[in-house]
């Protein structure tokens, strides 16, 4: 009875030849192989097909009745089928790992062209902080001493919001006074200010405080382009760090 079920599992008749049995097995095994079939019971079905194939072939070649204990024979077949399934899984896993290792870092999140564009933008932002800027006079439209103990000032001009912490009281930061603002040449980011008494100060909320993030970005981008990472996880980590560093700088830039 078990053999009749095995023939039905392979979809062939009991009169089938060894060649027909092998052909039917290859067709069924390919259909339900876990590498191809994503159904939940595909692996179980694949094992059943392998067991049926082994029983039928043993029967056709006269080995089926040589086993003294049928129960042990069934267990042996199941073990052989499981081993074959494990071997196929190992082959699939090895192939997948090899594909992941050979996968280019430029296929993760964005391509090489986007990396080059991001590198150019980062260099422009960094150059804007390094190259000498310009100066212009602006009128204070709001002046607040937030903390008298730390002498923490909050100022607003027509174009900037400025925060200054000083060890000594600063004269010239009163409402309607004029101050000289130092800006970067391209993005007009705040760099420093000078009072009419010729006292220069570096505000707390300037983009220049986050320049190291730009330098780290450039290093990460160059690694993206030139360094041959060996594993997929390394490539994924370097791209993730680049995203974090870029977002950190952009948020800091917008808040400054």
C-alpha atoms as a PDB file:
ATOM      1  CA  UNK A   1       0.000   0.000   0.000  1.00  0.00           C
ATOM      2  CA  UNK A   2       2.854   2.329   0.841  1.00  0.00           C
ATOM      3  CA  UNK A   3       4.399   1.766  -2.569  1.00  0.00           C
ATOM      4  CA  UNK A   4       1.130   2.627  -4.305  1.00  0.00           C
ATOM      5  CA  UNK A   5       1.147   5.924  -2.436  1.00  0.00           C
ATOM      6  CA  UNK A   6       4.757   6.454  -3.507  1.00  0.00           C
ATOM      7  CA  UNK A   7       3.852   5.975  -7.168  1.00  0.00           C
ATOM      8  CA  UNK A   8       1.009   8.465  -6.726  1.00  0.00           C
ATOM      9  CA  UNK A   9       3.400  10.925  -5.064  1.00  0.00           C
ATOM     10  CA  UNK A  10       5.636  10.865  -8.142  1.00  0.00           C
ATOM     11  CA  UNK A  11       2.631  10.847 -10.467  1.00  0.00           C
ATOM     12  CA  UNK A  12       3.597   7.649 -12.305  1.00  0.00           C
ATOM     13  CA  UNK A  13       2.228   4.138 -12.662  1.00  0.00           C
ATOM     14  CA  UNK A  14       3.686   0.997 -11.083  1.00  0.00           C
ATOM     15  CA  UNK A  15       4.846  -0.224 -14.493  1.00  0.00           C
ATOM     16  CA  UNK A  16       7.139   2.783 -14.962  1.00  0.00           C
ATOM     17  CA  UNK A  17      10.757   2.100 -15.833  1.00  0.00           C
ATOM     18  CA  UNK A  18      13.745   3.329 -13.839  1.00  0.00           C
ATOM     19  CA  UNK A  19      14.344   6.068 -16.407  1.00  0.00           C
ATOM     20  CA  UNK A  20      10.709   7.222 -16.136  1.00  0.00           C
ATOM     21  CA  UNK A  21      10.939   7.108 -12.334  1.00  0.00           C
ATOM     22  CA  UNK A  22      14.067   9.278 -12.314  1.00  0.00           C
ATOM     23  CA  UNK A  23      12.511  11.744 -14.753  1.00  0.00           C
ATOM     24  CA  UNK A  24       9.354  12.028 -12.638  1.00  0.00           C
ATOM     25  CA  UNK A  25      11.452  12.503  -9.508  1.00  0.00           C
ATOM     26  CA  UNK A  26      13.537  15.304 -11.084  1.00  0.00           C
ATOM     27  CA  UNK A  27      10.377  17.087 -12.215  1.00  0.00           C
ATOM     28  CA  UNK A  28       8.660  16.840  -8.820  1.00  0.00           C
ATOM     29  CA  UNK A  29      11.822  17.651  -6.860  1.00  0.00           C
ATOM     30  CA  UNK A  30      12.430  20.733  -8.956  1.00  0.00           C
ATOM     31  CA  UNK A  31       8.833  21.866  -8.469  1.00  0.00           C
ATOM     32  CA  UNK A  32       8.898  21.583  -4.675  1.00  0.00           C
ATOM     33  CA  UNK A  33      12.583  22.374  -4.002  1.00  0.00           C
ATOM     34  CA  UNK A  34      12.815  24.990  -1.183  1.00  0.00           C
ATOM     35  CA  UNK A  35      15.099  27.125  -3.361  1.00  0.00           C
ATOM     36  CA  UNK A  36      12.301  27.553  -5.905  1.00  0.00           C
ATOM     37  CA  UNK A  37       8.995  26.919  -4.143  1.00  0.00           C
ATOM     38  CA  UNK A  38       8.235  29.420  -1.344  1.00  0.00           C
ATOM     39  CA  UNK A  39       5.200  27.587   0.066  1.00  0.00           C
ATOM     40  CA  UNK A  40       5.389  26.749   3.774  1.00  0.00           C
ATOM     41  CA  UNK A  41       5.113  22.998   3.151  1.00  0.00           C
ATOM     42  CA  UNK A  42       7.538  22.919   0.205  1.00  0.00           C
ATOM     43  CA  UNK A  43      10.407  21.442   2.242  1.00  0.00           C
ATOM     44  CA  UNK A  44       8.137  18.756   3.722  1.00  0.00           C
ATOM     45  CA  UNK A  45       6.771  17.900   0.276  1.00  0.00           C
ATOM     46  CA  UNK A  46      10.303  17.743  -1.117  1.00  0.00           C
ATOM     47  CA  UNK A  47      11.319  15.251   1.580  1.00  0.00           C
ATOM     48  CA  UNK A  48       8.215  13.115   0.883  1.00  0.00           C
ATOM     49  CA  UNK A  49       9.084  13.047  -2.827  1.00  0.00           C
ATOM     50  CA  UNK A  50      12.668  12.014  -2.049  1.00  0.00           C
ATOM     51  CA  UNK A  51      11.480   9.242   0.278  1.00  0.00           C
ATOM     52  CA  UNK A  52       9.026   7.952  -2.303  1.00  0.00           C
ATOM     53  CA  UNK A  53      11.708   7.954  -4.980  1.00  0.00           C
ATOM     54  CA  UNK A  54      14.127   5.979  -2.800  1.00  0.00           C
ATOM     55  CA  UNK A  55      11.486   3.370  -1.932  1.00  0.00           C
ATOM     56  CA  UNK A  56      10.401   2.887  -5.534  1.00  0.00           C
ATOM     57  CA  UNK A  57      13.976   2.581  -6.834  1.00  0.00           C
ATOM     58  CA  UNK A  58      14.876   0.121  -4.079  1.00  0.00           C
ATOM     59  CA  UNK A  59      11.740  -1.872  -4.917  1.00  0.00           C
ATOM     60  CA  UNK A  60      12.491  -1.886  -8.643  1.00  0.00           C
ATOM     61  CA  UNK A  61      16.090  -2.981  -8.004  1.00  0.00           C
ATOM     62  CA  UNK A  62      15.060  -5.705  -5.535  1.00  0.00           C
ATOM     63  CA  UNK A  63      16.297  -4.152  -2.339  1.00  0.00           C
ATOM     64  CA  UNK A  64      12.965  -3.334  -0.680  1.00  0.00           C
ATOM     65  CA  UNK A  65      12.337  -6.799   0.845  1.00  0.00           C
ATOM     66  CA  UNK A  66      15.934  -7.312   1.911  1.00  0.00           C
ATOM     67  CA  UNK A  67      15.445  -5.025   4.928  1.00  0.00           C
ATOM     68  CA  UNK A  68      14.606  -7.230   7.916  1.00  0.00           C
ATOM     69  CA  UNK A  69      12.688  -4.563   9.807  1.00  0.00           C
ATOM     70  CA  UNK A  70      10.423  -2.332   7.663  1.00  0.00           C
ATOM     71  CA  UNK A  71      10.275   0.314  10.347  1.00  0.00           C
ATOM     72  CA  UNK A  72      14.041   0.731  10.314  1.00  0.00           C
ATOM     73  CA  UNK A  73      13.930   0.885   6.540  1.00  0.00           C
ATOM     74  CA  UNK A  74      11.462   3.758   6.647  1.00  0.00           C
ATOM     75  CA  UNK A  75      13.649   5.590   9.139  1.00  0.00           C
ATOM     76  CA  UNK A  76      16.678   5.038   6.921  1.00  0.00           C
ATOM     77  CA  UNK A  77      14.862   6.458   3.925  1.00  0.00           C
ATOM     78  CA  UNK A  78      13.755   9.469   5.903  1.00  0.00           C
ATOM     79  CA  UNK A  79      17.314  10.051   7.121  1.00  0.00           C
ATOM     80  CA  UNK A  80      18.641   9.830   3.560  1.00  0.00           C
ATOM     81  CA  UNK A  81      15.985  12.239   2.318  1.00  0.00           C
ATOM     82  CA  UNK A  82      16.729  14.657   5.156  1.00  0.00           C
ATOM     83  CA  UNK A  83      20.437  14.497   4.427  1.00  0.00           C
ATOM     84  CA  UNK A  84      19.790  15.207   0.760  1.00  0.00           C
ATOM     85  CA  UNK A  85      17.558  18.156   1.666  1.00  0.00           C
ATOM     86  CA  UNK A  86      20.236  19.496   4.028  1.00  0.00           C
ATOM     87  CA  UNK A  87      22.871  19.113   1.330  1.00  0.00           C
ATOM     88  CA  UNK A  88      20.719  21.067  -1.134  1.00  0.00           C
ATOM     89  CA  UNK A  89      20.153  23.735   1.533  1.00  0.00           C
ATOM     90  CA  UNK A  90      23.898  24.026   2.186  1.00  0.00           C
ATOM     91  CA  UNK A  91      24.536  24.406  -1.532  1.00  0.00           C
ATOM     92  CA  UNK A  92      21.828  27.093  -1.751  1.00  0.00           C
ATOM     93  CA  UNK A  93      23.203  28.892   1.340  1.00  0.00           C
ATOM     94  CA  UNK A  94      26.756  28.801  -0.020  1.00  0.00           C
ATOM     95  CA  UNK A  95      25.561  30.193  -3.348  1.00  0.00           C
ATOM     96  CA  UNK A  96      23.616  32.945  -1.576  1.00  0.00           C
ATOM     97  CA  UNK A  97      26.614  33.893   0.592  1.00  0.00           C
ATOM     98  CA  UNK A  98      28.824  34.049  -2.486  1.00  0.00           C
ATOM     99  CA  UNK A  99      26.342  36.322  -4.253  1.00  0.00           C
ATOM    100  CA  UNK A 100      26.197  38.594  -1.197  1.00  0.00           C
ATOM    101  CA  UNK A 101      30.006  38.794  -1.034  1.00  0.00           C
ATOM    102  CA  UNK A 102      30.216  39.649  -4.723  1.00  0.00           C
ATOM    103  CA  UNK A 103      27.418  42.208  -4.507  1.00  0.00           C
ATOM    104  CA  UNK A 104      28.723  45.712  -5.167  1.00  0.00           C
ATOM    105  CA  UNK A 105      28.453  48.309  -2.408  1.00  0.00           C
ATOM    106  CA  UNK A 106      26.901  50.590  -5.039  1.00  0.00           C
ATOM    107  CA  UNK A 107      23.839  48.293  -5.208  1.00  0.00           C
ATOM    108  CA  UNK A 108      22.993  49.060  -1.546  1.00  0.00           C
ATOM    109  CA  UNK A 109      20.642  52.041  -1.007  1.00  0.00           C
ATOM    110  CA  UNK A 110      22.063  54.081  -3.942  1.00  0.00           C
ATOM    111  CA  UNK A 111      24.464  53.730  -6.864  1.00  0.00           C
ATOM    112  CA  UNK A 112      27.987  55.012  -7.490  1.00  0.00           C
ATOM    113  CA  UNK A 113      26.804  58.128  -9.324  1.00  0.00           C
ATOM    114  CA  UNK A 114      24.783  59.206  -6.279  1.00  0.00           C
ATOM    115  CA  UNK A 115      27.855  58.607  -4.107  1.00  0.00           C
ATOM    116  CA  UNK A 116      29.953  60.862  -6.331  1.00  0.00           C
ATOM    117  CA  UNK A 117      27.265  63.577  -6.249  1.00  0.00           C
ATOM    118  CA  UNK A 118      27.081  63.346  -2.449  1.00  0.00           C
ATOM    119  CA  UNK A 119      30.886  63.567  -2.264  1.00  0.00           C
ATOM    120  CA  UNK A 120      30.854  66.726  -4.410  1.00  0.00           C
ATOM    121  CA  UNK A 121      28.140  68.330  -2.256  1.00  0.00           C
ATOM    122  CA  UNK A 122      30.030  67.459   0.929  1.00  0.00           C
ATOM    123  CA  UNK A 123      33.245  69.005  -0.438  1.00  0.00           C
ATOM    124  CA  UNK A 124      31.317  72.157  -1.326  1.00  0.00           C
ATOM    125  CA  UNK A 125      29.859  72.384   2.205  1.00  0.00           C
ATOM    126  CA  UNK A 126      33.298  71.819   3.735  1.00  0.00           C
ATOM    127  CA  UNK A 127      34.941  74.392   1.460  1.00  0.00           C
ATOM    128  CA  UNK A 128      32.263  76.896   2.439  1.00  0.00           C
ATOM    129  CA  UNK A 129      33.358  76.554   6.065  1.00  0.00           C
ATOM    130  CA  UNK A 130      37.093  76.789   5.330  1.00  0.00           C
ATOM    131  CA  UNK A 131      37.253  79.568   2.715  1.00  0.00           C
ATOM    132  CA  UNK A 132      37.255  83.126   4.170  1.00  0.00           C
ATOM    133  CA  UNK A 133      33.767  84.597   4.135  1.00  0.00           C
ATOM    134  CA  UNK A 134      32.259  88.050   4.001  1.00  0.00           C
ATOM    135  CA  UNK A 135      31.212  90.638   6.571  1.00  0.00           C
ATOM    136  CA  UNK A 136      28.162  92.839   6.758  1.00  0.00           C
ATOM    137  CA  UNK A 137      26.425  95.054   9.299  1.00  0.00           C
ATOM    138  CA  UNK A 138      23.103  93.984  10.783  1.00  0.00           C
ATOM    139  CA  UNK A 139      20.836  95.650  13.309  1.00  0.00           C
ATOM    140  CA  UNK A 140      19.845  93.866  16.516  1.00  0.00           C
ATOM    141  CA  UNK A 141      16.045  93.608  16.588  1.00  0.00           C
ATOM    142  CA  UNK A 142      15.854  91.436  19.702  1.00  0.00           C
ATOM    143  CA  UNK A 143      18.288  91.062  22.598  1.00  0.00           C
ATOM    144  CA  UNK A 144      17.762  88.803  25.609  1.00  0.00           C
ATOM    145  CA  UNK A 145      20.090  87.882  28.467  1.00  0.00           C
ATOM    146  CA  UNK A 146      18.886  84.341  29.142  1.00  0.00           C
ATOM    147  CA  UNK A 147      21.233  83.431  31.991  1.00  0.00           C
ATOM    148  CA  UNK A 148      22.805  86.214  34.054  1.00  0.00           C
ATOM    149  CA  UNK A 149      25.200  83.854  35.856  1.00  0.00           C
ATOM    150  CA  UNK A 150      26.632  82.337  32.700  1.00  0.00           C
ATOM    151  CA  UNK A 151      26.073  85.529  30.674  1.00  0.00           C
ATOM    152  CA  UNK A 152      24.201  83.633  27.984  1.00  0.00           C
ATOM    153  CA  UNK A 153      22.813  85.995  25.318  1.00  0.00           C
ATOM    154  CA  UNK A 154      20.191  85.377  22.666  1.00  0.00           C
ATOM    155  CA  UNK A 155      20.156  87.884  19.799  1.00  0.00           C
ATOM    156  CA  UNK A 156      18.142  88.219  16.644  1.00  0.00           C
ATOM    157  CA  UNK A 157      19.047  90.323  13.631  1.00  0.00           C
ATOM    158  CA  UNK A 158      17.261  90.673  10.331  1.00  0.00           C
ATOM    159  CA  UNK A 159      18.930  87.486   9.035  1.00  0.00           C
ATOM    160  CA  UNK A 160      20.293  85.526  11.993  1.00  0.00           C
ATOM    161  CA  UNK A 161      19.526  84.103  15.404  1.00  0.00           C
ATOM    162  CA  UNK A 162      22.635  84.230  17.583  1.00  0.00           C
ATOM    163  CA  UNK A 163      23.497  82.597  20.895  1.00  0.00           C
ATOM    164  CA  UNK A 164      26.593  83.722  22.840  1.00  0.00           C
ATOM    165  CA  UNK A 165      28.030  82.585  26.161  1.00  0.00           C
ATOM    166  CA  UNK A 166      30.683  84.848  27.684  1.00  0.00           C
ATOM    167  CA  UNK A 167      32.823  85.038  30.808  1.00  0.00           C
ATOM    168  CA  UNK A 168      32.426  88.811  31.016  1.00  0.00           C
ATOM    169  CA  UNK A 169      29.567  91.154  30.309  1.00  0.00           C
ATOM    170  CA  UNK A 170      29.422  92.207  26.677  1.00  0.00           C
ATOM    171  CA  UNK A 171      28.696  95.785  25.800  1.00  0.00           C
ATOM    172  CA  UNK A 172      27.079  96.624  22.497  1.00  0.00           C
ATOM    173  CA  UNK A 173      24.556  93.803  22.307  1.00  0.00           C
ATOM    174  CA  UNK A 174      21.598  95.992  23.177  1.00  0.00           C
ATOM    175  CA  UNK A 175      18.453  96.398  21.136  1.00  0.00           C
ATOM    176  CA  UNK A 176      18.812  98.535  17.963  1.00  0.00           C
ATOM    177  CA  UNK A 177      22.617  98.419  18.095  1.00  0.00           C
ATOM    178  CA  UNK A 178      24.541  97.418  14.989  1.00  0.00           C
ATOM    179  CA  UNK A 179      26.944  94.474  14.857  1.00  0.00           C
ATOM    180  CA  UNK A 180      29.198  93.085  12.136  1.00  0.00           C
ATOM    181  CA  UNK A 181      28.268  89.576  11.067  1.00  0.00           C
ATOM    182  CA  UNK A 182      30.809  87.168   9.567  1.00  0.00           C
ATOM    183  CA  UNK A 183      29.267  84.713   7.111  1.00  0.00           C
ATOM    184  CA  UNK A 184      30.442  81.860   4.904  1.00  0.00           C
ATOM    185  CA  UNK A 185      30.724  82.918   1.250  1.00  0.00           C
ATOM    186  CA  UNK A 186      28.354  80.415  -0.353  1.00  0.00           C
ATOM    187  CA  UNK A 187      25.650  79.395   2.127  1.00  0.00           C
ATOM    188  CA  UNK A 188      25.848  82.565   4.264  1.00  0.00           C
ATOM    189  CA  UNK A 189      26.083  80.518   7.457  1.00  0.00           C
ATOM    190  CA  UNK A 190      26.985  82.415  10.619  1.00  0.00           C
ATOM    191  CA  UNK A 191      30.683  82.279  11.565  1.00  0.00           C
ATOM    192  CA  UNK A 192      31.311  85.104  14.060  1.00  0.00           C
ATOM    193  CA  UNK A 193      30.226  88.584  15.087  1.00  0.00           C
ATOM    194  CA  UNK A 194      31.986  91.809  16.066  1.00  0.00           C
ATOM    195  CA  UNK A 195      30.471  94.597  18.179  1.00  0.00           C
ATOM    196  CA  UNK A 196      30.948  98.285  17.463  1.00  0.00           C
ATOM    197  CA  UNK A 197      33.483  98.254  20.310  1.00  0.00           C
ATOM    198  CA  UNK A 198      35.540  95.904  18.107  1.00  0.00           C
ATOM    199  CA  UNK A 199      34.971  92.855  20.322  1.00  0.00           C
ATOM    200  CA  UNK A 200      34.792  89.625  18.327  1.00  0.00           C
ATOM    201  CA  UNK A 201      32.856  86.568  19.452  1.00  0.00           C
ATOM    202  CA  UNK A 202      32.134  83.100  18.113  1.00  0.00           C
ATOM    203  CA  UNK A 203      28.457  82.199  18.637  1.00  0.00           C
ATOM    204  CA  UNK A 204      27.454  78.866  20.116  1.00  0.00           C
ATOM    205  CA  UNK A 205      25.023  77.969  17.309  1.00  0.00           C
ATOM    206  CA  UNK A 206      27.232  77.984  14.229  1.00  0.00           C
ATOM    207  CA  UNK A 207      27.460  75.371  11.509  1.00  0.00           C
ATOM    208  CA  UNK A 208      31.239  75.316  11.878  1.00  0.00           C
ATOM    209  CA  UNK A 209      30.812  73.339  15.110  1.00  0.00           C
ATOM    210  CA  UNK A 210      29.697  70.373  13.003  1.00  0.00           C
ATOM    211  CA  UNK A 211      32.514  70.517  10.433  1.00  0.00           C
ATOM    212  CA  UNK A 212      34.041  67.239  11.761  1.00  0.00           C
ATOM    213  CA  UNK A 213      30.879  65.473  10.568  1.00  0.00           C
ATOM    214  CA  UNK A 214      31.663  66.669   7.030  1.00  0.00           C
ATOM    215  CA  UNK A 215      35.208  65.335   7.273  1.00  0.00           C
ATOM    216  CA  UNK A 216      33.898  61.956   8.477  1.00  0.00           C
ATOM    217  CA  UNK A 217      31.415  61.997   5.588  1.00  0.00           C
ATOM    218  CA  UNK A 218      34.198  62.512   3.058  1.00  0.00           C
ATOM    219  CA  UNK A 219      36.188  59.630   4.546  1.00  0.00           C
ATOM    220  CA  UNK A 220      33.153  57.328   4.432  1.00  0.00           C
ATOM    221  CA  UNK A 221      32.350  58.353   0.850  1.00  0.00           C
ATOM    222  CA  UNK A 222      35.923  57.673  -0.272  1.00  0.00           C
ATOM    223  CA  UNK A 223      35.742  54.259   1.407  1.00  0.00           C
ATOM    224  CA  UNK A 224      32.509  53.643  -0.541  1.00  0.00           C
ATOM    225  CA  UNK A 225      34.278  54.365  -3.801  1.00  0.00           C
ATOM    226  CA  UNK A 226      37.722  52.837  -3.367  1.00  0.00           C
ATOM    227  CA  UNK A 227      37.838  50.304  -0.508  1.00  0.00           C
ATOM    228  CA  UNK A 228      37.104  46.663  -1.493  1.00  0.00           C
ATOM    229  CA  UNK A 229      34.977  45.450   1.406  1.00  0.00           C
ATOM    230  CA  UNK A 230      34.989  41.654   1.690  1.00  0.00           C
ATOM    231  CA  UNK A 231      31.543  40.963   3.148  1.00  0.00           C
ATOM    232  CA  UNK A 232      28.034  42.238   2.526  1.00  0.00           C
ATOM    233  CA  UNK A 233      27.660  43.204   6.201  1.00  0.00           C
ATOM    234  CA  UNK A 234      30.695  45.489   5.992  1.00  0.00           C
ATOM    235  CA  UNK A 235      29.240  47.197   2.936  1.00  0.00           C
ATOM    236  CA  UNK A 236      25.876  47.587   4.631  1.00  0.00           C
ATOM    237  CA  UNK A 237      27.438  49.037   7.792  1.00  0.00           C
ATOM    238  CA  UNK A 238      29.506  51.623   5.935  1.00  0.00           C
ATOM    239  CA  UNK A 239      26.438  52.806   4.002  1.00  0.00           C
ATOM    240  CA  UNK A 240      24.385  52.963   7.214  1.00  0.00           C
ATOM    241  CA  UNK A 241      27.077  54.999   9.006  1.00  0.00           C
ATOM    242  CA  UNK A 242      27.146  57.369   6.061  1.00  0.00           C
ATOM    243  CA  UNK A 243      23.381  57.898   6.285  1.00  0.00           C
ATOM    244  CA  UNK A 244      23.585  58.575  10.031  1.00  0.00           C
ATOM    245  CA  UNK A 245      26.463  61.025   9.665  1.00  0.00           C
ATOM    246  CA  UNK A 246      24.769  62.860   6.792  1.00  0.00           C
ATOM    247  CA  UNK A 247      21.467  63.180   8.649  1.00  0.00           C
ATOM    248  CA  UNK A 248      23.285  64.388  11.767  1.00  0.00           C
ATOM    249  CA  UNK A 249      24.968  67.178   9.816  1.00  0.00           C
ATOM    250  CA  UNK A 250      21.818  68.186   7.941  1.00  0.00           C
ATOM    251  CA  UNK A 251      19.751  68.431  11.132  1.00  0.00           C
ATOM    252  CA  UNK A 252      22.513  70.409  12.833  1.00  0.00           C
ATOM    253  CA  UNK A 253      22.791  72.693   9.796  1.00  0.00           C
ATOM    254  CA  UNK A 254      19.064  73.416   9.791  1.00  0.00           C
ATOM    255  CA  UNK A 255      18.984  74.095  13.524  1.00  0.00           C
ATOM    256  CA  UNK A 256      22.038  76.372  13.594  1.00  0.00           C
END
